[in-house]
Each structure stands twice: as structure tokens, then as C-alpha cells.
Amino acid sequence: MKELIAYCGLDCEKCEARTATLTDDNALREKVAAEWSEMNSADIRPEMINCDGCRVEGRKFAYCESLCPIRQCAMSREVETCGVCPEMPSCEKVAMVTANSEEALDNLKG
């Protein structure tokens, strides 16, 4: 599995938050913060947009680091991604992502 595929199957390599972090692009951070604030009905500020990827060493977006139930579950089970978890087909946590992203589901299926 590619290192930049998150536990949930999303591709961190395509994430604008990661791109903004790697290129130190504050305009992109502002764009991502505005989009994520609206999408999640939350106050997300540009300075919060710093992430190197879900499963790699380095910075994490605050939600992903400590609040994401998918990441926390996968880490506690010590699985590479949800795709190798025997409970994935019936898991409501990962379904929050895979129900809305065929790409994420395909990534998990390998």
C-alpha cells in the first residue's frame, strides 16, 4: 500500500492541506481553511492547515491527529489501513469516508 494512503483510504498525496504544508503556500492554506470550515461547520483557521500525511511521520491536521475515530481505531488495532481489517465491510467509522469516496474504497481494496 502506498505510504500516503490514509487509514481510511483517502490519498494524502492529493490533499491540498498537505500540498500547502509542503510548499508553505499560505494562500492555499486560506482556501483549504475556508472550504473545510464551511464543509464541517467549524472554525478552521489557515494556521491550522499543516499536515504531512496520515500515516507518515510529521505534522498532522489537529482533527486527524487526535480526533479522527478512523485513525485512532486503525492505530489501536495496529493495521496498515482499514483495508486489512476484517471488520471493514461492516465498519460504520470507515463508511463515513468510503460511502462518499469510491476512490478511497478502491484504495483500501488495493
Protein backbone atom coordinates (compact mmCIF):
# COMPACT_ATOMS: atom_id res chain seq x y z
CA MET A 1 0.00 0.00 0.00
CA LYS A 2 1.27 3.46 -0.86
CA GLU A 3 2.57 5.23 2.23
CA LEU A 4 0.41 8.29 1.50
CA ILE A 5 -2.88 6.37 1.52
CA ALA A 6 -4.55 7.25 4.81
CA TYR A 7 -6.03 4.64 7.12
CA CYS A 8 -9.46 5.48 5.64
CA GLY A 9 -8.29 5.14 2.04
CA LEU A 10 -8.07 8.83 1.16
CA ASP A 11 -4.97 9.74 -0.84
CA CYS A 12 -2.91 12.25 1.17
CA GLU A 13 -0.81 12.90 -1.91
CA LYS A 14 -3.85 14.63 -3.46
CA CYS A 15 -4.77 16.61 -0.32
CA GLU A 16 -4.50 20.38 -0.64
CA ALA A 17 -3.65 20.69 3.06
CA ARG A 18 -0.58 18.52 2.51
CA THR A 19 0.34 20.47 -0.62
CA ALA A 20 0.03 23.76 1.28
CA THR A 21 2.25 22.35 4.02
CA LEU A 22 4.96 21.05 1.70
CA THR A 23 5.06 24.24 -0.38
CA ASP A 24 4.42 26.61 2.55
CA ASP A 25 1.61 28.15 0.48
CA ASN A 26 -0.41 30.46 2.75
CA ALA A 27 -2.93 31.33 0.02
CA LEU A 28 -3.72 27.62 -0.36
CA ARG A 29 -3.94 27.28 3.44
CA GLU A 30 -6.53 30.08 3.43
CA LYS A 31 -8.51 28.37 0.66
CA VAL A 32 -8.47 24.99 2.43
CA ALA A 33 -9.39 26.54 5.79
CA ALA A 34 -12.38 28.33 4.24
CA GLU A 35 -13.58 25.19 2.44
CA TRP A 36 -13.13 22.92 5.45
CA SER A 37 -14.77 25.46 7.78
CA GLU A 38 -17.85 25.55 5.58
CA MET A 39 -17.93 21.80 4.93
CA ASN A 40 -17.60 20.93 8.62
CA SER A 41 -19.42 23.89 10.22
CA ALA A 42 -16.27 24.58 12.19
CA ASP A 43 -13.82 27.41 12.74
CA ILE A 44 -10.73 26.21 10.90
CA ARG A 45 -8.03 28.83 10.51
CA PRO A 46 -5.23 28.87 7.93
CA GLU A 47 -2.55 28.41 10.59
CA MET A 48 -4.20 25.08 11.45
CA ILE A 49 -3.58 23.74 7.94
CA ASN A 50 -0.36 21.79 8.38
CA CYS A 51 -0.16 18.10 7.58
CA ASP A 52 2.45 15.77 6.11
CA GLY A 53 0.06 12.81 5.78
CA CYS A 54 -1.96 10.47 7.96
CA ARG A 55 0.41 7.51 8.17
CA VAL A 56 3.79 9.21 7.80
CA GLU A 57 5.95 10.90 10.40
CA GLY A 58 5.47 14.63 10.76
CA ARG A 59 2.76 17.19 11.22
CA LYS A 60 -0.93 16.30 11.29
CA PHE A 61 -4.05 18.41 10.98
CA ALA A 62 -5.44 18.64 14.54
CA TYR A 63 -8.60 16.64 13.80
CA CYS A 64 -6.65 13.88 12.13
CA GLU A 65 -4.00 13.75 14.84
CA SER A 66 -6.21 13.14 17.84
CA LEU A 67 -9.92 13.21 16.99
CA CYS A 68 -10.39 11.10 13.86
CA PRO A 69 -12.11 7.89 15.01
CA ILE A 70 -10.88 6.01 11.95
CA ARG A 71 -7.21 6.84 12.53
CA GLN A 72 -7.47 6.13 16.26
CA CYS A 73 -9.12 2.75 15.64
CA ALA A 74 -6.61 1.67 12.98
CA MET A 75 -3.67 2.70 15.15
CA SER A 76 -5.05 0.83 18.16
CA ARG A 77 -5.53 -2.29 16.01
CA GLU A 78 -2.04 -1.81 14.53
CA VAL A 79 -3.28 -2.23 10.96
CA GLU A 80 -1.66 -0.64 7.91
CA THR A 81 -5.05 0.66 6.72
CA CYS A 82 -8.69 -0.20 7.27
CA GLY A 83 -8.43 -2.30 4.11
CA VAL A 84 -6.73 -5.10 6.02
CA CYS A 85 -9.14 -5.03 8.95
CA PRO A 86 -11.57 -7.98 8.90
CA GLU A 87 -14.32 -5.69 10.21
CA MET A 88 -14.06 -3.16 7.37
CA PRO A 89 -17.10 -4.39 5.37
CA SER A 90 -19.41 -3.61 8.30
CA CYS A 91 -17.48 -0.74 9.89
CA GLU A 92 -19.55 2.43 10.34
CA LYS A 93 -16.44 4.52 11.05
CA VAL A 94 -14.70 3.94 7.72
CA ALA A 95 -18.05 4.03 5.91
CA MET A 96 -18.19 7.76 6.76
CA VAL A 97 -15.47 8.13 4.12
CA THR A 98 -15.95 5.22 1.74
CA ALA A 99 -19.68 5.91 1.27
CA ASN A 100 -18.71 9.27 -0.23
CA SER A 101 -15.48 8.33 -1.99
CA GLU A 102 -15.26 5.45 -4.44
CA GLU A 103 -11.54 6.24 -4.78
CA ALA A 104 -10.98 5.71 -1.04
CA LEU A 105 -12.79 2.40 -1.16
CA ASP A 106 -10.75 1.32 -4.20
CA ASN A 107 -7.54 2.33 -2.41
CA LEU A 108 -8.48 0.16 0.57
CA LYS A 109 -9.32 -2.79 -1.63
CA GLY A 110 -5.82 -2.48 -3.03
